[in-house]
């Protein structure tokens, strides 16, 4: 076997069957990666849209609750009591959890802090 400058292996009879097989595999892998990238982008766009809808609905709920409390003062007391007796703790911006992720690269260990709201 001899090597040419394009790093292709040339068999004695001149056929490049092995190279063709790997080129097909490479093309398939590249297409699969492209498909995953496009799918990921579509999912990111959909997630962003859903998050915006959640934010809008939260603001609408707060606005309607304030209007209801203006017209029904008794409801305001019930809401305050329900908020105090709520079994679910309300996370504040200062109550973010920090986790450690370890990344291994170049034979060194790196620690990355990630905040989870």
PDB file of N, CA and C in Angstrom:
ATOM      1  N   UNK A   1       0.837  -1.183   0.000  1.00  0.00           N
ATOM      2  CA  UNK A   1       0.000   0.000   0.000  1.00  0.00           C
ATOM      3  C   UNK A   1       0.880   1.244   0.000  1.00  0.00           C
ATOM      4  N   UNK A   2       0.447   2.254  -0.691  1.00  0.00           N
ATOM      5  CA  UNK A   2       1.189   3.512  -0.755  1.00  0.00           C
ATOM      6  C   UNK A   2       0.265   4.634  -0.333  1.00  0.00           C
ATOM      7  N   UNK A   3       0.844   5.714   0.155  1.00  0.00           N
ATOM      8  CA  UNK A   3       0.075   6.871   0.584  1.00  0.00           C
ATOM      9  C   UNK A   3       0.271   7.991  -0.433  1.00  0.00           C
ATOM     10  N   UNK A   4      -0.780   8.700  -0.727  1.00  0.00           N
ATOM     11  CA  UNK A   4      -0.623   9.888  -1.548  1.00  0.00           C
ATOM     12  C   UNK A   4      -0.730  11.113  -0.659  1.00  0.00           C
ATOM     13  N   UNK A   5      -0.610  12.282  -1.213  1.00  0.00           N
ATOM     14  CA  UNK A   5      -0.555  13.503  -0.404  1.00  0.00           C
ATOM     15  C   UNK A   5      -1.898  13.880   0.211  1.00  0.00           C
ATOM     16  N   UNK A   6      -2.976  13.338  -0.282  1.00  0.00           N
ATOM     17  CA  UNK A   6      -4.302  13.633   0.272  1.00  0.00           C
ATOM     18  C   UNK A   6      -4.657  12.700   1.414  1.00  0.00           C
ATOM     19  N   UNK A   7      -3.692  11.939   1.903  1.00  0.00           N
ATOM     20  CA  UNK A   7      -3.857  11.019   3.017  1.00  0.00           C
ATOM     21  C   UNK A   7      -4.849   9.895   2.691  1.00  0.00           C
ATOM     22  N   UNK A   8      -4.979   9.566   1.413  1.00  0.00           N
ATOM     23  CA  UNK A   8      -5.823   8.445   1.016  1.00  0.00           C
ATOM     24  C   UNK A   8      -4.965   7.203   0.903  1.00  0.00           C
ATOM     25  N   UNK A   9      -5.511   6.080   1.294  1.00  0.00           N
ATOM     26  CA  UNK A   9      -4.803   4.816   1.167  1.00  0.00           C
ATOM     27  C   UNK A   9      -5.151   4.237  -0.199  1.00  0.00           C
ATOM     28  N   UNK A  10      -4.135   3.912  -0.961  1.00  0.00           N
ATOM     29  CA  UNK A  10      -4.361   3.342  -2.284  1.00  0.00           C
ATOM     30  C   UNK A  10      -3.941   1.881  -2.239  1.00  0.00           C
ATOM     31  N   UNK A  11      -4.864   1.004  -2.556  1.00  0.00           N
ATOM     32  CA  UNK A  11      -4.552  -0.415  -2.605  1.00  0.00           C
ATOM     33  C   UNK A  11      -3.728  -0.705  -3.852  1.00  0.00           C
ATOM     34  N   UNK A  12      -3.172  -1.892  -3.915  1.00  0.00           N
ATOM     35  CA  UNK A  12      -2.334  -2.265  -5.060  1.00  0.00           C
ATOM     36  C   UNK A  12      -3.113  -2.245  -6.363  1.00  0.00           C
ATOM     37  N   UNK A  13      -4.369  -2.633  -6.294  1.00  0.00           N
ATOM     38  CA  UNK A  13      -5.148  -2.667  -7.530  1.00  0.00           C
ATOM     39  C   UNK A  13      -5.810  -1.314  -7.816  1.00  0.00           C
ATOM     40  N   UNK A  14      -5.584  -0.316  -6.973  1.00  0.00           N
ATOM     41  CA  UNK A  14      -6.063   1.038  -7.233  1.00  0.00           C
ATOM     42  C   UNK A  14      -7.475   1.317  -6.752  1.00  0.00           C
ATOM     43  N   UNK A  15      -8.131   0.375  -6.115  1.00  0.00           N
ATOM     44  CA  UNK A  15      -9.504   0.629  -5.664  1.00  0.00           C
ATOM     45  C   UNK A  15      -9.475   1.313  -4.302  1.00  0.00           C
ATOM     46  N   UNK A  16     -10.421   2.161  -4.092  1.00  0.00           N
ATOM     47  CA  UNK A  16     -10.534   2.899  -2.832  1.00  0.00           C
ATOM     48  C   UNK A  16     -11.800   2.472  -2.092  1.00  0.00           C
ATOM     49  N   UNK A  17     -12.024   1.175  -2.005  1.00  0.00           N
ATOM     50  CA  UNK A  17     -13.250   0.695  -1.376  1.00  0.00           C
ATOM     51  C   UNK A  17     -13.341   1.082   0.094  1.00  0.00           C
ATOM     52  N   UNK A  18     -12.235   0.958   0.823  1.00  0.00           N
ATOM     53  CA  UNK A  18     -12.251   1.305   2.238  1.00  0.00           C
ATOM     54  C   UNK A  18     -12.520   2.788   2.433  1.00  0.00           C
ATOM     55  N   UNK A  19     -11.872   3.588   1.634  1.00  0.00           N
ATOM     56  CA  UNK A  19     -12.045   5.036   1.764  1.00  0.00           C
ATOM     57  C   UNK A  19     -13.478   5.425   1.459  1.00  0.00           C
ATOM     58  N   UNK A  20     -14.062   4.824   0.442  1.00  0.00           N
ATOM     59  CA  UNK A  20     -15.448   5.128   0.088  1.00  0.00           C
ATOM     60  C   UNK A  20     -16.405   4.757   1.205  1.00  0.00           C
ATOM     61  N   UNK A  21     -16.140   3.640   1.853  1.00  0.00           N
ATOM     62  CA  UNK A  21     -17.001   3.198   2.952  1.00  0.00           C
ATOM     63  C   UNK A  21     -16.967   4.205   4.099  1.00  0.00           C
ATOM     64  N   UNK A  22     -15.775   4.675   4.437  1.00  0.00           N
ATOM     65  CA  UNK A  22     -15.651   5.636   5.529  1.00  0.00           C
ATOM     66  C   UNK A  22     -16.182   7.010   5.139  1.00  0.00           C
ATOM     67  N   UNK A  23     -16.058   7.361   3.864  1.00  0.00           N
ATOM     68  CA  UNK A  23     -16.630   8.633   3.416  1.00  0.00           C
ATOM     69  C   UNK A  23     -18.148   8.604   3.541  1.00  0.00           C
ATOM     70  N   UNK A  24     -18.743   7.462   3.233  1.00  0.00           N
ATOM     71  CA  UNK A  24     -20.194   7.327   3.385  1.00  0.00           C
ATOM     72  C   UNK A  24     -20.593   7.448   4.848  1.00  0.00           C
ATOM     73  N   UNK A  25     -19.834   6.799   5.719  1.00  0.00           N
ATOM     74  CA  UNK A  25     -20.120   6.890   7.151  1.00  0.00           C
ATOM     75  C   UNK A  25     -19.967   8.326   7.640  1.00  0.00           C
ATOM     76  N   UNK A  26     -18.916   8.999   7.176  1.00  0.00           N
ATOM     77  CA  UNK A  26     -18.691  10.388   7.565  1.00  0.00           C
ATOM     78  C   UNK A  26     -19.833  11.269   7.093  1.00  0.00           C
ATOM     79  N   UNK A  27     -20.275  11.078   5.851  1.00  0.00           N
ATOM     80  CA  UNK A  27     -21.388  11.866   5.326  1.00  0.00           C
ATOM     81  C   UNK A  27     -22.656  11.614   6.137  1.00  0.00           C
ATOM     82  N   UNK A  28     -22.879  10.356   6.510  1.00  0.00           N
ATOM     83  CA  UNK A  28     -24.056  10.027   7.315  1.00  0.00           C
ATOM     84  C   UNK A  28     -23.982  10.694   8.687  1.00  0.00           C
ATOM     85  N   UNK A  29     -22.803  10.654   9.301  1.00  0.00           N
ATOM     86  CA  UNK A  29     -22.638  11.294  10.606  1.00  0.00           C
ATOM     87  C   UNK A  29     -22.836  12.805  10.513  1.00  0.00           C
ATOM     88  N   UNK A  30     -22.295  13.416   9.479  1.00  0.00           N
ATOM     89  CA  UNK A  30     -22.466  14.868   9.298  1.00  0.00           C
ATOM     90  C   UNK A  30     -23.941  15.222   9.131  1.00  0.00           C
ATOM     91  N   UNK A  31     -24.663  14.414   8.341  1.00  0.00           N
ATOM     92  CA  UNK A  31     -26.091  14.681   8.141  1.00  0.00           C
ATOM     93  C   UNK A  31     -26.860  14.498   9.448  1.00  0.00           C
ATOM     94  N   UNK A  32     -26.499  13.490  10.216  1.00  0.00           N
ATOM     95  CA  UNK A  32     -27.149  13.264  11.503  1.00  0.00           C
ATOM     96  C   UNK A  32     -26.898  14.436  12.445  1.00  0.00           C
ATOM     97  N   UNK A  33     -25.683  14.935  12.455  1.00  0.00           N
ATOM     98  CA  UNK A  33     -25.354  16.091  13.308  1.00  0.00           C
ATOM     99  C   UNK A  33     -26.152  17.308  12.866  1.00  0.00           C
ATOM    100  N   UNK A  34     -26.236  17.541  11.553  1.00  0.00           N
ATOM    101  CA  UNK A  34     -27.021  18.675  11.052  1.00  0.00           C
ATOM    102  C   UNK A  34     -28.485  18.552  11.483  1.00  0.00           C
ATOM    103  N   UNK A  35     -29.027  17.347  11.374  1.00  0.00           N
ATOM    104  CA  UNK A  35     -30.422  17.125  11.778  1.00  0.00           C
ATOM    105  C   UNK A  35     -30.618  17.424  13.267  1.00  0.00           C
ATOM    106  N   UNK A  36     -29.663  16.957  14.096  1.00  0.00           N
ATOM    107  CA  UNK A  36     -29.761  17.229  15.528  1.00  0.00           C
ATOM    108  C   UNK A  36     -29.650  18.710  15.835  1.00  0.00           C
ATOM    109  N   UNK A  37     -28.791  19.421  15.127  1.00  0.00           N
ATOM    110  CA  UNK A  37     -28.639  20.860  15.354  1.00  0.00           C
ATOM    111  C   UNK A  37     -29.934  21.582  14.996  1.00  0.00           C
ATOM    112  N   UNK A  38     -30.546  21.209  13.874  1.00  0.00           N
ATOM    113  CA  UNK A  38     -31.811  21.849  13.487  1.00  0.00           C
ATOM    114  C   UNK A  38     -32.934  21.514  14.461  1.00  0.00           C
ATOM    115  N   UNK A  39     -32.982  20.266  14.903  1.00  0.00           N
ATOM    116  CA  UNK A  39     -34.003  19.877  15.878  1.00  0.00           C
ATOM    117  C   UNK A  39     -33.805  20.622  17.192  1.00  0.00           C
ATOM    118  N   UNK A  40     -32.547  20.750  17.606  1.00  0.00           N
ATOM    119  CA  UNK A  40     -32.249  21.468  18.840  1.00  0.00           C
ATOM    120  C   UNK A  40     -32.678  22.934  18.724  1.00  0.00           C
ATOM    121  N   UNK A  41     -32.400  23.559  17.591  1.00  0.00           N
ATOM    122  CA  UNK A  41     -32.800  24.955  17.390  1.00  0.00           C
ATOM    123  C   UNK A  41     -34.317  25.100  17.441  1.00  0.00           C
ATOM    124  N   UNK A  42     -35.028  24.159  16.842  1.00  0.00           N
ATOM    125  CA  UNK A  42     -36.491  24.205  16.873  1.00  0.00           C
ATOM    126  C   UNK A  42     -37.009  24.046  18.301  1.00  0.00           C
ATOM    127  N   UNK A  43     -36.400  23.144  19.059  1.00  0.00           N
ATOM    128  CA  UNK A  43     -36.821  22.956  20.445  1.00  0.00           C
ATOM    129  C   UNK A  43     -36.524  24.185  21.296  1.00  0.00           C
ATOM    130  N   UNK A  44     -35.387  24.835  21.053  1.00  0.00           N
ATOM    131  CA  UNK A  44     -35.047  26.052  21.789  1.00  0.00           C
ATOM    132  C   UNK A  44     -36.064  27.144  21.485  1.00  0.00           C
ATOM    133  N   UNK A  45     -36.437  27.284  20.219  1.00  0.00           N
ATOM    134  CA  UNK A  45     -37.438  28.290  19.855  1.00  0.00           C
ATOM    135  C   UNK A  45     -38.779  27.998  20.521  1.00  0.00           C
ATOM    136  N   UNK A  46     -39.184  26.743  20.513  1.00  0.00           N
ATOM    137  CA  UNK A  46     -40.456  26.375  21.136  1.00  0.00           C
ATOM    138  C   UNK A  46     -40.418  26.615  22.641  1.00  0.00           C
ATOM    139  N   UNK A  47     -39.303  26.278  23.272  1.00  0.00           N
ATOM    140  CA  UNK A  47     -39.156  26.497  24.707  1.00  0.00           C
ATOM    141  C   UNK A  47     -39.223  27.980  25.044  1.00  0.00           C
ATOM    142  N   UNK A  48     -38.585  28.799  24.232  1.00  0.00           N
ATOM    143  CA  UNK A  48     -38.617  30.245  24.456  1.00  0.00           C
ATOM    144  C   UNK A  48     -40.042  30.777  24.354  1.00  0.00           C
ATOM    145  N   UNK A  49     -40.789  30.271  23.387  1.00  0.00           N
ATOM    146  CA  UNK A  49     -42.182  30.703  23.220  1.00  0.00           C
ATOM    147  C   UNK A  49     -43.027  30.293  24.426  1.00  0.00           C
ATOM    148  N   UNK A  50     -42.837  29.083  24.910  1.00  0.00           N
ATOM    149  CA  UNK A  50     -43.589  28.601  26.071  1.00  0.00           C
ATOM    150  C   UNK A  50     -43.232  29.414  27.317  1.00  0.00           C
ATOM    151  N   UNK A  51     -41.942  29.721  27.484  1.00  0.00           N
ATOM    152  CA  UNK A  51     -41.531  30.532  28.631  1.00  0.00           C
ATOM    153  C   UNK A  51     -42.147  31.923  28.577  1.00  0.00           C
ATOM    154  N   UNK A  52     -42.214  32.502  27.385  1.00  0.00           N
ATOM    155  CA  UNK A  52     -42.849  33.822  27.260  1.00  0.00           C
ATOM    156  C   UNK A  52     -44.335  33.731  27.606  1.00  0.00           C
ATOM    157  N   UNK A  53     -45.005  32.673  27.170  1.00  0.00           N
ATOM    158  CA  UNK A  53     -46.418  32.493  27.518  1.00  0.00           C
ATOM    159  C   UNK A  53     -46.601  32.344  29.019  1.00  0.00           C
ATOM    160  N   UNK A  54     -45.699  31.648  29.678  1.00  0.00           N
ATOM    161  CA  UNK A  54     -45.784  31.490  31.132  1.00  0.00           C
ATOM    162  C   UNK A  54     -45.638  32.839  31.819  1.00  0.00           C
ATOM    163  N   UNK A  55     -44.679  33.641  31.374  1.00  0.00           N
ATOM    164  CA  UNK A  55     -44.466  34.966  31.973  1.00  0.00           C
ATOM    165  C   UNK A  55     -45.696  35.839  31.771  1.00  0.00           C
ATOM    166  N   UNK A  56     -46.271  35.805  30.569  1.00  0.00           N
ATOM    167  CA  UNK A  56     -47.466  36.608  30.282  1.00  0.00           C
ATOM    168  C   UNK A  56     -48.624  36.173  31.177  1.00  0.00           C
ATOM    169  N   UNK A  57     -48.825  34.857  31.316  1.00  0.00           N
ATOM    170  CA  UNK A  57     -49.932  34.364  32.145  1.00  0.00           C
ATOM    171  C   UNK A  57     -49.735  34.725  33.618  1.00  0.00           C
ATOM    172  N   UNK A  58     -48.497  34.690  34.098  1.00  0.00           N
ATOM    173  CA  UNK A  58     -48.232  35.083  35.483  1.00  0.00           C
ATOM    174  C   UNK A  58     -48.582  36.553  35.698  1.00  0.00           C
ATOM    175  N   UNK A  59     -48.178  37.403  34.766  1.00  0.00           N
ATOM    176  CA  UNK A  59     -48.488  38.828  34.896  1.00  0.00           C
ATOM    177  C   UNK A  59     -49.994  39.068  34.846  1.00  0.00           C
ATOM    178  N   UNK A  60     -50.686  38.358  33.956  1.00  0.00           N
ATOM    179  CA  UNK A  60     -52.136  38.497  33.869  1.00  0.00           C
ATOM    180  C   UNK A  60     -52.804  38.044  35.167  1.00  0.00           C
ATOM    181  N   UNK A  61     -52.323  36.937  35.718  1.00  0.00           N
ATOM    182  CA  UNK A  61     -52.888  36.424  36.972  1.00  0.00           C
ATOM    183  C   UNK A  61     -52.698  37.430  38.103  1.00  0.00           C
ATOM    184  N   UNK A  62     -51.493  38.000  38.197  1.00  0.00           N
ATOM    185  CA  UNK A  62     -51.240  38.994  39.250  1.00  0.00           C
ATOM    186  C   UNK A  62     -52.123  40.228  39.073  1.00  0.00           C
ATOM    187  N   UNK A  63     -52.284  40.682  37.825  1.00  0.00           N
ATOM    188  CA  UNK A  63     -53.119  41.843  37.565  1.00  0.00           C
ATOM    189  C   UNK A  63     -54.570  41.574  37.955  1.00  0.00           C
ATOM    190  N   UNK A  64     -55.081  40.407  37.547  1.00  0.00           N
ATOM    191  CA  UNK A  64     -56.467  40.072  37.867  1.00  0.00           C
ATOM    192  C   UNK A  64     -56.674  39.904  39.362  1.00  0.00           C
ATOM    193  N   UNK A  65     -55.693  39.334  40.050  1.00  0.00           N
ATOM    194  CA  UNK A  65     -55.799  39.185  41.497  1.00  0.00           C
ATOM    195  C   UNK A  65     -55.826  40.545  42.187  1.00  0.00           C
ATOM    196  N   UNK A  66     -54.997  41.483  41.718  1.00  0.00           N
ATOM    197  CA  UNK A  66     -55.004  42.840  42.302  1.00  0.00           C
ATOM    198  C   UNK A  66     -56.349  43.513  42.082  1.00  0.00           C
ATOM    199  N   UNK A  67     -56.900  43.374  40.872  1.00  0.00           N
ATOM    200  CA  UNK A  67     -58.214  43.972  40.579  1.00  0.00           C
ATOM    201  C   UNK A  67     -59.305  43.340  41.451  1.00  0.00           C
ATOM    202  N   UNK A  68     -59.224  42.024  41.618  1.00  0.00           N
ATOM    203  CA  UNK A  68     -60.201  41.343  42.451  1.00  0.00           C
ATOM    204  C   UNK A  68     -60.094  41.810  43.896  1.00  0.00           C
ATOM    205  N   UNK A  69     -58.860  41.990  44.377  1.00  0.00           N
ATOM    206  CA  UNK A  69     -58.666  42.449  45.754  1.00  0.00           C
ATOM    207  C   UNK A  69     -59.166  43.878  45.953  1.00  0.00           C
ATOM    208  N   UNK A  70     -59.111  44.685  44.911  1.00  0.00           N
ATOM    209  CA  UNK A  70     -59.641  46.049  45.016  1.00  0.00           C
ATOM    210  C   UNK A  70     -61.152  46.030  45.220  1.00  0.00           C
ATOM    211  N   UNK A  71     -61.839  45.133  44.517  1.00  0.00           N
ATOM    212  CA  UNK A  71     -63.295  45.083  44.590  1.00  0.00           C
ATOM    213  C   UNK A  71     -63.798  44.206  45.732  1.00  0.00           C
ATOM    214  N   UNK A  72     -63.027  43.243  46.143  1.00  0.00           N
ATOM    215  CA  UNK A  72     -63.422  42.331  47.211  1.00  0.00           C
ATOM    216  C   UNK A  72     -62.330  42.310  48.276  1.00  0.00           C
ATOM    217  N   UNK A  73     -62.401  43.161  49.297  1.00  0.00           N
ATOM    218  CA  UNK A  73     -61.350  43.191  50.311  1.00  0.00           C
ATOM    219  C   UNK A  73     -61.235  41.874  51.088  1.00  0.00           C
ATOM    220  N   UNK A  74     -62.315  41.153  51.212  1.00  0.00           N
ATOM    221  CA  UNK A  74     -62.271  39.874  51.920  1.00  0.00           C
ATOM    222  C   UNK A  74     -61.373  38.872  51.189  1.00  0.00           C
ATOM    223  N   UNK A  75     -61.388  38.932  49.886  1.00  0.00           N
ATOM    224  CA  UNK A  75     -60.542  38.038  49.080  1.00  0.00           C
ATOM    225  C   UNK A  75     -59.070  38.327  49.356  1.00  0.00           C
ATOM    226  N   UNK A  76     -58.732  39.592  49.542  1.00  0.00           N
ATOM    227  CA  UNK A  76     -57.339  39.958  49.812  1.00  0.00           C
ATOM    228  C   UNK A  76     -56.852  39.298  51.100  1.00  0.00           C
ATOM    229  N   UNK A  77     -57.703  39.275  52.128  1.00  0.00           N
ATOM    230  CA  UNK A  77     -57.322  38.615  53.383  1.00  0.00           C
ATOM    231  C   UNK A  77     -57.155  37.104  53.185  1.00  0.00           C
ATOM    232  N   UNK A  78     -58.036  36.510  52.411  1.00  0.00           N
ATOM    233  CA  UNK A  78     -57.935  35.078  52.146  1.00  0.00           C
ATOM    234  C   UNK A  78     -56.656  34.737  51.380  1.00  0.00           C
ATOM    235  N   UNK A  79     -56.303  35.601  50.446  1.00  0.00           N
ATOM    236  CA  UNK A  79     -55.085  35.376  49.666  1.00  0.00           C
ATOM    237  C   UNK A  79     -53.857  35.483  50.566  1.00  0.00           C
ATOM    238  N   UNK A  80     -53.855  36.477  51.450  1.00  0.00           N
ATOM    239  CA  UNK A  80     -52.720  36.636  52.360  1.00  0.00           C
ATOM    240  C   UNK A  80     -52.605  35.441  53.304  1.00  0.00           C
ATOM    241  N   UNK A  81     -53.740  34.971  53.818  1.00  0.00           N
ATOM    242  CA  UNK A  81     -53.724  33.809  54.709  1.00  0.00           C
ATOM    243  C   UNK A  81     -53.271  32.549  53.962  1.00  0.00           C
ATOM    244  N   UNK A  82     -53.720  32.401  52.732  1.00  0.00           N
ATOM    245  CA  UNK A  82     -53.320  31.236  51.940  1.00  0.00           C
ATOM    246  C   UNK A  82     -51.828  31.287  51.640  1.00  0.00           C
ATOM    247  N   UNK A  83     -51.296  32.482  51.418  1.00  0.00           N
ATOM    248  CA  UNK A  83     -49.863  32.609  51.133  1.00  0.00           C
ATOM    249  C   UNK A  83     -49.038  32.263  52.368  1.00  0.00           C
ATOM    250  N   UNK A  84     -49.538  32.610  53.557  1.00  0.00           N
ATOM    251  CA  UNK A  84     -48.821  32.296  54.792  1.00  0.00           C
ATOM    252  C   UNK A  84     -48.856  30.805  55.091  1.00  0.00           C
ATOM    253  N   UNK A  85     -49.995  30.164  54.824  1.00  0.00           N
ATOM    254  CA  UNK A  85     -50.177  28.750  55.141  1.00  0.00           C
ATOM    255  C   UNK A  85     -49.734  27.834  54.002  1.00  0.00           C
ATOM    256  N   UNK A  86     -49.162  28.381  52.973  1.00  0.00           N
ATOM    257  CA  UNK A  86     -48.778  27.592  51.808  1.00  0.00           C
ATOM    258  C   UNK A  86     -47.706  26.569  52.171  1.00  0.00           C
ATOM    259  N   UNK A  87     -47.929  25.286  51.826  1.00  0.00           N
ATOM    260  CA  UNK A  87     -46.921  24.277  52.139  1.00  0.00           C
ATOM    261  C   UNK A  87     -45.679  24.371  51.249  1.00  0.00           C
ATOM    262  N   UNK A  88     -45.815  25.001  50.094  1.00  0.00           N
ATOM    263  CA  UNK A  88     -44.684  25.134  49.191  1.00  0.00           C
ATOM    264  C   UNK A  88     -43.914  26.414  49.494  1.00  0.00           C
ATOM    265  N   UNK A  89     -42.640  26.315  49.795  1.00  0.00           N
ATOM    266  CA  UNK A  89     -41.864  27.528  50.042  1.00  0.00           C
ATOM    267  C   UNK A  89     -41.642  28.292  48.740  1.00  0.00           C
ATOM    268  N   UNK A  90     -41.715  29.585  48.835  1.00  0.00           N
ATOM    269  CA  UNK A  90     -41.490  30.446  47.680  1.00  0.00           C
ATOM    270  C   UNK A  90     -39.996  30.709  47.538  1.00  0.00           C
ATOM    271  N   UNK A  91     -39.369  30.276  46.457  1.00  0.00           N
ATOM    272  CA  UNK A  91     -37.939  30.555  46.296  1.00  0.00           C
ATOM    273  C   UNK A  91     -37.718  32.019  45.941  1.00  0.00           C
ATOM    274  N   UNK A  92     -36.795  32.633  46.628  1.00  0.00           N
ATOM    275  CA  UNK A  92     -36.450  34.012  46.301  1.00  0.00           C
ATOM    276  C   UNK A  92     -35.197  34.007  45.451  1.00  0.00           C
ATOM    277  N   UNK A  93     -34.816  35.165  44.971  1.00  0.00           N
ATOM    278  CA  UNK A  93     -33.645  35.237  44.110  1.00  0.00           C
ATOM    279  C   UNK A  93     -32.364  34.914  44.872  1.00  0.00           C
ATOM    280  N   UNK A  94     -32.379  35.074  46.192  1.00  0.00           N
ATOM    281  CA  UNK A  94     -31.187  34.764  46.973  1.00  0.00           C
ATOM    282  C   UNK A  94     -31.109  33.285  47.342  1.00  0.00           C
ATOM    283  N   UNK A  95     -32.207  32.526  47.117  1.00  0.00           N
ATOM    284  CA  UNK A  95     -32.238  31.102  47.450  1.00  0.00           C
ATOM    285  C   UNK A  95     -31.903  30.229  46.240  1.00  0.00           C
ATOM    286  N   UNK A  96     -30.875  30.560  45.518  1.00  0.00           N
ATOM    287  CA  UNK A  96     -30.500  29.729  44.379  1.00  0.00           C
ATOM    288  C   UNK A  96     -29.528  28.665  44.835  1.00  0.00           C
ATOM    289  N   UNK A  97     -29.719  27.479  44.322  1.00  0.00           N
ATOM    290  CA  UNK A  97     -28.833  26.376  44.666  1.00  0.00           C
ATOM    291  C   UNK A  97     -27.627  26.428  43.742  1.00  0.00           C
ATOM    292  N   UNK A  98     -26.500  26.036  44.274  1.00  0.00           N
ATOM    293  CA  UNK A  98     -25.304  25.962  43.460  1.00  0.00           C
ATOM    294  C   UNK A  98     -24.844  24.520  43.430  1.00  0.00           C
ATOM    295  N   UNK A  99     -24.631  24.027  42.234  1.00  0.00           N
ATOM    296  CA  UNK A  99     -24.127  22.677  42.080  1.00  0.00           C
ATOM    297  C   UNK A  99     -22.785  22.746  41.380  1.00  0.00           C
ATOM    298  N   UNK A 100     -22.023  21.707  41.561  1.00  0.00           N
ATOM    299  CA  UNK A 100     -20.713  21.659  40.934  1.00  0.00           C
ATOM    300  C   UNK A 100     -20.740  20.646  39.813  1.00  0.00           C
ATOM    301  N   UNK A 101     -20.229  21.060  38.675  1.00  0.00           N
ATOM    302  CA  UNK A 101     -20.044  20.153  37.564  1.00  0.00           C
ATOM    303  C   UNK A 101     -18.552  20.028  37.332  1.00  0.00           C
ATOM    304  N   UNK A 102     -18.122  18.838  37.102  1.00  0.00           N
ATOM    305  CA  UNK A 102     -16.708  18.626  36.855  1.00  0.00           C
ATOM    306  C   UNK A 102     -16.500  18.404  35.371  1.00  0.00           C
ATOM    307  N   UNK A 103     -15.580  19.143  34.816  1.00  0.00           N
ATOM    308  CA  UNK A 103     -15.237  18.999  33.414  1.00  0.00           C
ATOM    309  C   UNK A 103     -13.813  18.495  33.322  1.00  0.00           C
ATOM    310  N   UNK A 104     -13.612  17.485  32.536  1.00  0.00           N
ATOM    311  CA  UNK A 104     -12.282  16.920  32.383  1.00  0.00           C
ATOM    312  C   UNK A 104     -11.776  17.269  30.988  1.00  0.00           C
ATOM    313  N   UNK A 105     -10.677  17.937  30.943  1.00  0.00           N
ATOM    314  CA  UNK A 105     -10.082  18.292  29.663  1.00  0.00           C
ATOM    315  C   UNK A 105      -8.603  18.521  29.838  1.00  0.00           C
ATOM    316  N   UNK A 106      -7.847  18.115  28.862  1.00  0.00           N
ATOM    317  CA  UNK A 106      -6.393  18.280  28.881  1.00  0.00           C
ATOM    318  C   UNK A 106      -5.778  17.648  30.131  1.00  0.00           C
ATOM    319  N   UNK A 107      -6.356  16.539  30.577  1.00  0.00           N
ATOM    320  CA  UNK A 107      -5.870  15.802  31.751  1.00  0.00           C
ATOM    321  C   UNK A 107      -5.895  16.641  33.022  1.00  0.00           C
ATOM    322  N   UNK A 108      -6.747  17.641  33.068  1.00  0.00           N
ATOM    323  CA  UNK A 108      -6.904  18.458  34.274  1.00  0.00           C
ATOM    324  C   UNK A 108      -8.374  18.449  34.667  1.00  0.00           C
ATOM    325  N   UNK A 109      -8.603  18.570  35.946  1.00  0.00           N
ATOM    326  CA  UNK A 109      -9.978  18.597  36.437  1.00  0.00           C
ATOM    327  C   UNK A 109     -10.363  20.049  36.672  1.00  0.00           C
ATOM    328  N   UNK A 110     -11.503  20.446  36.101  1.00  0.00           N
ATOM    329  CA  UNK A 110     -12.002  21.803  36.282  1.00  0.00           C
ATOM    330  C   UNK A 110     -13.344  21.734  36.984  1.00  0.00           C
ATOM    331  N   UNK A 111     -13.594  22.634  37.893  1.00  0.00           N
ATOM    332  CA  UNK A 111     -14.880  22.692  38.583  1.00  0.00           C
ATOM    333  C   UNK A 111     -15.614  23.920  38.123  1.00  0.00           C
ATOM    334  N   UNK A 112     -16.854  23.711  37.682  1.00  0.00           N
ATOM    335  CA  UNK A 112     -17.681  24.798  37.186  1.00  0.00           C
ATOM    336  C   UNK A 112     -18.888  24.921  38.102  1.00  0.00           C
ATOM    337  N   UNK A 113     -19.134  26.114  38.625  1.00  0.00           N
ATOM    338  CA  UNK A 113     -20.325  26.341  39.456  1.00  0.00           C
ATOM    339  C   UNK A 113     -21.481  26.742  38.573  1.00  0.00           C
ATOM    340  N   UNK A 114     -22.619  26.100  38.793  1.00  0.00           N
ATOM    341  CA  UNK A 114     -23.823  26.383  38.027  1.00  0.00           C
ATOM    342  C   UNK A 114     -24.901  26.760  39.009  1.00  0.00           C
ATOM    343  N   UNK A 115     -25.535  27.918  38.786  1.00  0.00           N
ATOM    344  CA  UNK A 115     -26.630  28.342  39.670  1.00  0.00           C
ATOM    345  C   UNK A 115     -27.941  27.821  39.123  1.00  0.00           C
ATOM    346  N   UNK A 116     -28.725  27.224  40.013  1.00  0.00           N
ATOM    347  CA  UNK A 116     -30.049  26.728  39.645  1.00  0.00           C
ATOM    348  C   UNK A 116     -31.082  27.560  40.394  1.00  0.00           C
ATOM    349  N   UNK A 117     -31.893  28.323  39.673  1.00  0.00           N
ATOM    350  CA  UNK A 117     -32.879  29.154  40.363  1.00  0.00           C
ATOM    351  C   UNK A 117     -33.998  28.333  40.952  1.00  0.00           C
TER     352      UNK A 117
END
